[in-house]
């Protein structure tokens, strides 16, 4: 990711304000999403999404912010990260189900 793709703003997934955000392709570029809608996400949310889900899952069933927010795998993370200061950058590990893929 290029540094110019990062800016201070509000994360569209967790709603935290004044955080460094990155551009997330709601449909992964490798799945044809290069010109599809994008979302500005804080770095922890962006990393967590890619740690939990495959690009196939993101393209097929989690290609909007509302679908991501409603998914049980990430909803507890969103609830937790909302309470964290904007400077917090937690470590992210791939889920066990993603490690085998």
N, C-alpha and C. Protein backbone atom coordinates (compact mmCIF):
# COMPACT_ATOMS: atom_id res chain seq x y z
N UNK A 1 0.84 -1.17 0.00
CA UNK A 1 0.00 0.00 0.00
C UNK A 1 0.88 1.24 0.00
N UNK A 2 0.55 2.18 -0.83
CA UNK A 2 1.32 3.41 -0.93
C UNK A 2 0.95 4.33 0.23
N UNK A 3 1.93 5.07 0.72
CA UNK A 3 1.66 5.99 1.83
C UNK A 3 0.64 7.05 1.44
N UNK A 4 0.57 7.41 0.15
CA UNK A 4 -0.40 8.42 -0.26
C UNK A 4 -1.84 7.90 -0.15
N UNK A 5 -2.01 6.59 -0.04
CA UNK A 5 -3.34 6.01 0.10
C UNK A 5 -3.85 6.07 1.54
N UNK A 6 -3.05 6.66 2.42
CA UNK A 6 -3.43 6.76 3.83
C UNK A 6 -3.78 8.21 4.14
N UNK A 7 -4.82 8.41 4.94
CA UNK A 7 -5.20 9.75 5.36
C UNK A 7 -5.91 9.69 6.70
N UNK A 8 -5.93 10.81 7.39
CA UNK A 8 -6.64 10.90 8.67
C UNK A 8 -8.12 11.10 8.36
N UNK A 9 -8.97 10.33 9.03
CA UNK A 9 -10.40 10.44 8.79
C UNK A 9 -11.17 9.55 9.74
N UNK A 10 -12.36 9.17 9.33
CA UNK A 10 -13.25 8.31 10.11
C UNK A 10 -13.33 6.94 9.46
N UNK A 11 -13.17 5.90 10.26
CA UNK A 11 -13.28 4.54 9.75
C UNK A 11 -14.75 4.24 9.47
N UNK A 12 -15.03 3.78 8.27
CA UNK A 12 -16.41 3.48 7.88
C UNK A 12 -16.93 2.20 8.52
N UNK A 13 -16.05 1.36 9.05
CA UNK A 13 -16.48 0.11 9.66
C UNK A 13 -16.76 0.28 11.16
N UNK A 14 -15.79 0.83 11.89
CA UNK A 14 -15.97 0.95 13.35
C UNK A 14 -16.45 2.32 13.79
N UNK A 15 -16.29 3.32 12.93
CA UNK A 15 -16.77 4.66 13.25
C UNK A 15 -15.80 5.52 14.06
N UNK A 16 -14.60 4.99 14.36
CA UNK A 16 -13.65 5.82 15.12
C UNK A 16 -13.23 7.00 14.25
N UNK A 17 -13.04 8.15 14.91
CA UNK A 17 -12.68 9.37 14.20
C UNK A 17 -11.22 9.72 14.43
N UNK A 18 -10.69 10.54 13.53
CA UNK A 18 -9.31 11.02 13.60
C UNK A 18 -8.31 9.86 13.66
N UNK A 19 -8.54 8.87 12.81
CA UNK A 19 -7.63 7.72 12.71
C UNK A 19 -7.01 7.71 11.33
N UNK A 20 -5.84 7.09 11.22
CA UNK A 20 -5.21 6.90 9.93
C UNK A 20 -6.03 5.85 9.18
N UNK A 21 -6.51 6.20 8.00
CA UNK A 21 -7.35 5.26 7.23
C UNK A 21 -6.65 4.83 5.95
N UNK A 22 -7.05 3.67 5.48
CA UNK A 22 -6.57 3.13 4.21
C UNK A 22 -7.77 2.78 3.35
N UNK A 23 -7.54 2.67 2.06
CA UNK A 23 -8.62 2.34 1.13
C UNK A 23 -8.78 0.83 1.06
N UNK A 24 -9.99 0.35 1.32
CA UNK A 24 -10.31 -1.08 1.24
C UNK A 24 -11.27 -1.28 0.07
N UNK A 25 -10.90 -2.16 -0.85
CA UNK A 25 -11.79 -2.50 -1.96
C UNK A 25 -12.83 -3.49 -1.44
N UNK A 26 -14.09 -3.10 -1.45
CA UNK A 26 -15.14 -3.96 -0.91
C UNK A 26 -15.23 -5.27 -1.68
N UNK A 27 -14.98 -5.24 -2.97
CA UNK A 27 -14.78 -6.45 -3.75
C UNK A 27 -13.29 -6.45 -4.08
N UNK A 28 -12.54 -7.46 -3.63
CA UNK A 28 -11.09 -7.46 -3.85
C UNK A 28 -10.73 -7.24 -5.33
N UNK A 29 -9.63 -6.52 -5.53
CA UNK A 29 -9.20 -6.22 -6.90
C UNK A 29 -8.99 -7.49 -7.71
N UNK A 30 -8.43 -8.53 -7.10
CA UNK A 30 -8.18 -9.77 -7.84
C UNK A 30 -9.47 -10.50 -8.21
N UNK A 31 -10.57 -10.07 -7.61
CA UNK A 31 -11.87 -10.68 -7.91
C UNK A 31 -12.71 -9.74 -8.79
N UNK A 32 -12.04 -8.79 -9.44
CA UNK A 32 -12.73 -7.88 -10.35
C UNK A 32 -13.19 -6.58 -9.72
N UNK A 33 -12.70 -6.25 -8.55
CA UNK A 33 -13.18 -5.08 -7.84
C UNK A 33 -12.37 -3.82 -8.00
N UNK A 34 -11.47 -3.76 -8.99
CA UNK A 34 -10.61 -2.59 -9.16
C UNK A 34 -11.41 -1.30 -9.34
N UNK A 35 -12.56 -1.40 -9.99
CA UNK A 35 -13.37 -0.21 -10.24
C UNK A 35 -14.69 -0.25 -9.48
N UNK A 36 -14.78 -1.14 -8.51
CA UNK A 36 -15.97 -1.25 -7.66
C UNK A 36 -15.83 -0.31 -6.46
N UNK A 37 -16.87 -0.17 -5.64
CA UNK A 37 -16.81 0.74 -4.49
C UNK A 37 -15.71 0.37 -3.49
N UNK A 38 -15.22 1.41 -2.82
CA UNK A 38 -14.19 1.25 -1.79
C UNK A 38 -14.69 1.87 -0.49
N UNK A 39 -13.99 1.60 0.60
CA UNK A 39 -14.32 2.18 1.90
C UNK A 39 -13.02 2.61 2.58
N UNK A 40 -13.09 3.68 3.35
CA UNK A 40 -11.94 4.12 4.13
C UNK A 40 -12.01 3.45 5.50
N UNK A 41 -11.02 2.62 5.79
CA UNK A 41 -11.00 1.87 7.04
C UNK A 41 -9.75 2.20 7.84
N UNK A 42 -9.88 2.17 9.18
CA UNK A 42 -8.68 2.33 10.00
C UNK A 42 -7.82 1.08 9.80
N UNK A 43 -6.55 1.22 10.07
CA UNK A 43 -5.62 0.12 9.83
C UNK A 43 -6.00 -1.14 10.61
N UNK A 44 -6.36 -1.05 11.92
CA UNK A 44 -6.75 -2.28 12.63
C UNK A 44 -7.94 -3.00 11.99
N UNK A 45 -8.97 -2.25 11.58
CA UNK A 45 -10.13 -2.89 10.95
C UNK A 45 -9.74 -3.54 9.62
N UNK A 46 -8.94 -2.84 8.83
CA UNK A 46 -8.52 -3.37 7.53
C UNK A 46 -7.73 -4.66 7.70
N UNK A 47 -6.79 -4.65 8.64
CA UNK A 47 -5.99 -5.86 8.88
C UNK A 47 -6.85 -7.00 9.40
N UNK A 48 -7.81 -6.68 10.29
CA UNK A 48 -8.66 -7.73 10.87
C UNK A 48 -9.53 -8.38 9.79
N UNK A 49 -10.04 -7.59 8.87
CA UNK A 49 -10.85 -8.15 7.78
C UNK A 49 -10.04 -9.17 6.98
N UNK A 50 -8.82 -8.80 6.62
CA UNK A 50 -8.01 -9.70 5.80
C UNK A 50 -7.44 -10.87 6.60
N UNK A 51 -7.41 -10.75 7.91
CA UNK A 51 -6.99 -11.88 8.75
C UNK A 51 -8.11 -12.90 8.92
N UNK A 52 -9.35 -12.43 8.87
CA UNK A 52 -10.49 -13.31 9.11
C UNK A 52 -11.08 -13.94 7.85
N UNK A 53 -11.02 -13.23 6.74
CA UNK A 53 -11.76 -13.66 5.55
C UNK A 53 -10.85 -13.84 4.33
N UNK A 54 -11.22 -14.78 3.51
CA UNK A 54 -10.54 -14.95 2.22
C UNK A 54 -11.10 -13.92 1.24
N UNK A 55 -10.38 -13.68 0.16
CA UNK A 55 -10.88 -12.77 -0.86
C UNK A 55 -12.17 -13.29 -1.48
N UNK A 56 -12.31 -14.61 -1.59
CA UNK A 56 -13.55 -15.19 -2.10
C UNK A 56 -14.73 -14.82 -1.21
N UNK A 57 -14.55 -14.97 0.11
CA UNK A 57 -15.62 -14.61 1.05
C UNK A 57 -15.99 -13.13 0.94
N UNK A 58 -14.96 -12.29 0.85
CA UNK A 58 -15.21 -10.85 0.75
C UNK A 58 -15.97 -10.51 -0.53
N UNK A 59 -15.60 -11.13 -1.63
CA UNK A 59 -16.24 -10.83 -2.91
C UNK A 59 -17.68 -11.35 -2.98
N UNK A 60 -17.91 -12.54 -2.43
CA UNK A 60 -19.21 -13.17 -2.59
C UNK A 60 -20.25 -12.72 -1.57
N UNK A 61 -19.86 -12.68 -0.29
CA UNK A 61 -20.89 -12.42 0.72
C UNK A 61 -20.64 -11.24 1.65
N UNK A 62 -19.48 -10.61 1.56
CA UNK A 62 -19.18 -9.50 2.47
C UNK A 62 -18.67 -8.28 1.70
N UNK A 63 -19.41 -7.87 0.69
CA UNK A 63 -18.93 -6.81 -0.19
C UNK A 63 -19.58 -5.45 0.06
N UNK A 64 -20.14 -5.26 1.26
CA UNK A 64 -20.62 -3.95 1.69
C UNK A 64 -20.24 -3.76 3.16
N UNK A 65 -20.20 -2.51 3.58
CA UNK A 65 -19.88 -2.23 4.98
C UNK A 65 -20.95 -2.82 5.90
N UNK A 66 -22.21 -2.71 5.53
CA UNK A 66 -23.28 -3.23 6.40
C UNK A 66 -23.20 -4.75 6.53
N UNK A 67 -22.85 -5.46 5.47
CA UNK A 67 -22.69 -6.91 5.56
C UNK A 67 -21.51 -7.27 6.45
N UNK A 68 -20.41 -6.52 6.35
CA UNK A 68 -19.26 -6.77 7.22
C UNK A 68 -19.64 -6.52 8.68
N UNK A 69 -20.30 -5.40 8.95
CA UNK A 69 -20.67 -5.07 10.33
C UNK A 69 -21.60 -6.10 10.94
N UNK A 70 -22.42 -6.73 10.13
CA UNK A 70 -23.38 -7.72 10.63
C UNK A 70 -22.77 -9.10 10.82
N UNK A 71 -21.60 -9.35 10.26
CA UNK A 71 -21.00 -10.68 10.34
C UNK A 71 -20.48 -10.96 11.74
N UNK A 72 -20.78 -12.14 12.26
CA UNK A 72 -20.43 -12.49 13.64
C UNK A 72 -18.93 -12.58 13.88
N UNK A 73 -18.14 -12.92 12.85
CA UNK A 73 -16.69 -13.06 13.04
C UNK A 73 -16.03 -11.73 13.41
N UNK A 74 -16.53 -10.64 12.85
CA UNK A 74 -15.86 -9.35 13.07
C UNK A 74 -16.63 -8.43 14.01
N UNK A 75 -17.88 -8.72 14.29
CA UNK A 75 -18.69 -7.81 15.11
C UNK A 75 -18.12 -7.61 16.52
N UNK A 76 -17.57 -8.64 17.14
CA UNK A 76 -16.99 -8.49 18.47
C UNK A 76 -15.72 -7.63 18.41
N UNK A 77 -14.95 -7.76 17.32
CA UNK A 77 -13.77 -6.91 17.15
C UNK A 77 -14.18 -5.45 17.01
N UNK A 78 -15.21 -5.18 16.22
CA UNK A 78 -15.69 -3.81 16.03
C UNK A 78 -16.14 -3.23 17.37
N UNK A 79 -16.88 -4.00 18.14
CA UNK A 79 -17.35 -3.54 19.45
C UNK A 79 -16.16 -3.18 20.35
N UNK A 80 -15.09 -3.99 20.30
CA UNK A 80 -13.90 -3.75 21.12
C UNK A 80 -13.10 -2.54 20.61
N UNK A 81 -12.84 -2.48 19.30
CA UNK A 81 -11.97 -1.44 18.76
C UNK A 81 -12.60 -0.06 18.91
N UNK A 82 -13.92 0.02 18.91
CA UNK A 82 -14.60 1.32 19.09
C UNK A 82 -14.23 1.98 20.42
N UNK A 83 -13.89 1.16 21.41
CA UNK A 83 -13.56 1.67 22.74
C UNK A 83 -12.09 2.05 22.88
N UNK A 84 -11.29 1.75 21.86
CA UNK A 84 -9.85 1.99 21.93
C UNK A 84 -9.50 3.39 21.42
N UNK A 85 -8.41 3.97 21.95
CA UNK A 85 -7.98 5.28 21.44
C UNK A 85 -7.55 5.17 19.98
N UNK A 86 -7.64 6.27 19.26
CA UNK A 86 -7.32 6.25 17.83
C UNK A 86 -5.86 5.91 17.56
N UNK A 87 -5.01 6.06 18.56
CA UNK A 87 -3.59 5.76 18.38
C UNK A 87 -3.29 4.26 18.53
N UNK A 88 -4.27 3.48 18.98
CA UNK A 88 -4.05 2.05 19.23
C UNK A 88 -3.95 1.27 17.92
N UNK A 89 -2.85 0.52 17.76
CA UNK A 89 -2.66 -0.37 16.61
C UNK A 89 -2.40 -1.78 17.14
N UNK A 90 -3.47 -2.54 17.39
CA UNK A 90 -3.28 -3.89 17.95
C UNK A 90 -2.65 -4.84 16.95
N UNK A 91 -1.99 -5.87 17.48
CA UNK A 91 -1.43 -6.91 16.61
C UNK A 91 -2.57 -7.76 16.08
N UNK A 92 -2.46 -8.16 14.84
CA UNK A 92 -3.49 -8.96 14.20
C UNK A 92 -2.91 -10.31 13.80
N UNK A 93 -3.63 -11.38 14.13
CA UNK A 93 -3.21 -12.73 13.74
C UNK A 93 -4.28 -13.33 12.86
N UNK A 94 -3.86 -14.13 11.90
CA UNK A 94 -4.82 -14.83 11.05
C UNK A 94 -5.63 -15.79 11.90
N UNK A 95 -6.91 -15.88 11.59
CA UNK A 95 -7.76 -16.84 12.30
C UNK A 95 -7.32 -18.25 11.95
N UNK A 96 -7.61 -19.20 12.81
CA UNK A 96 -7.22 -20.60 12.56
C UNK A 96 -7.84 -21.12 11.26
N UNK A 97 -9.06 -20.70 10.96
CA UNK A 97 -9.70 -21.18 9.74
C UNK A 97 -9.02 -20.59 8.50
N UNK A 98 -8.42 -19.41 8.60
CA UNK A 98 -7.72 -18.80 7.47
C UNK A 98 -6.33 -19.36 7.29
N UNK A 99 -5.71 -19.86 8.36
CA UNK A 99 -4.35 -20.37 8.28
C UNK A 99 -4.24 -21.55 7.32
N UNK A 100 -5.28 -22.33 7.24
CA UNK A 100 -5.23 -23.53 6.40
C UNK A 100 -5.54 -23.24 4.93
N UNK A 101 -5.93 -21.98 4.63
CA UNK A 101 -6.31 -21.65 3.24
C UNK A 101 -5.19 -20.98 2.51
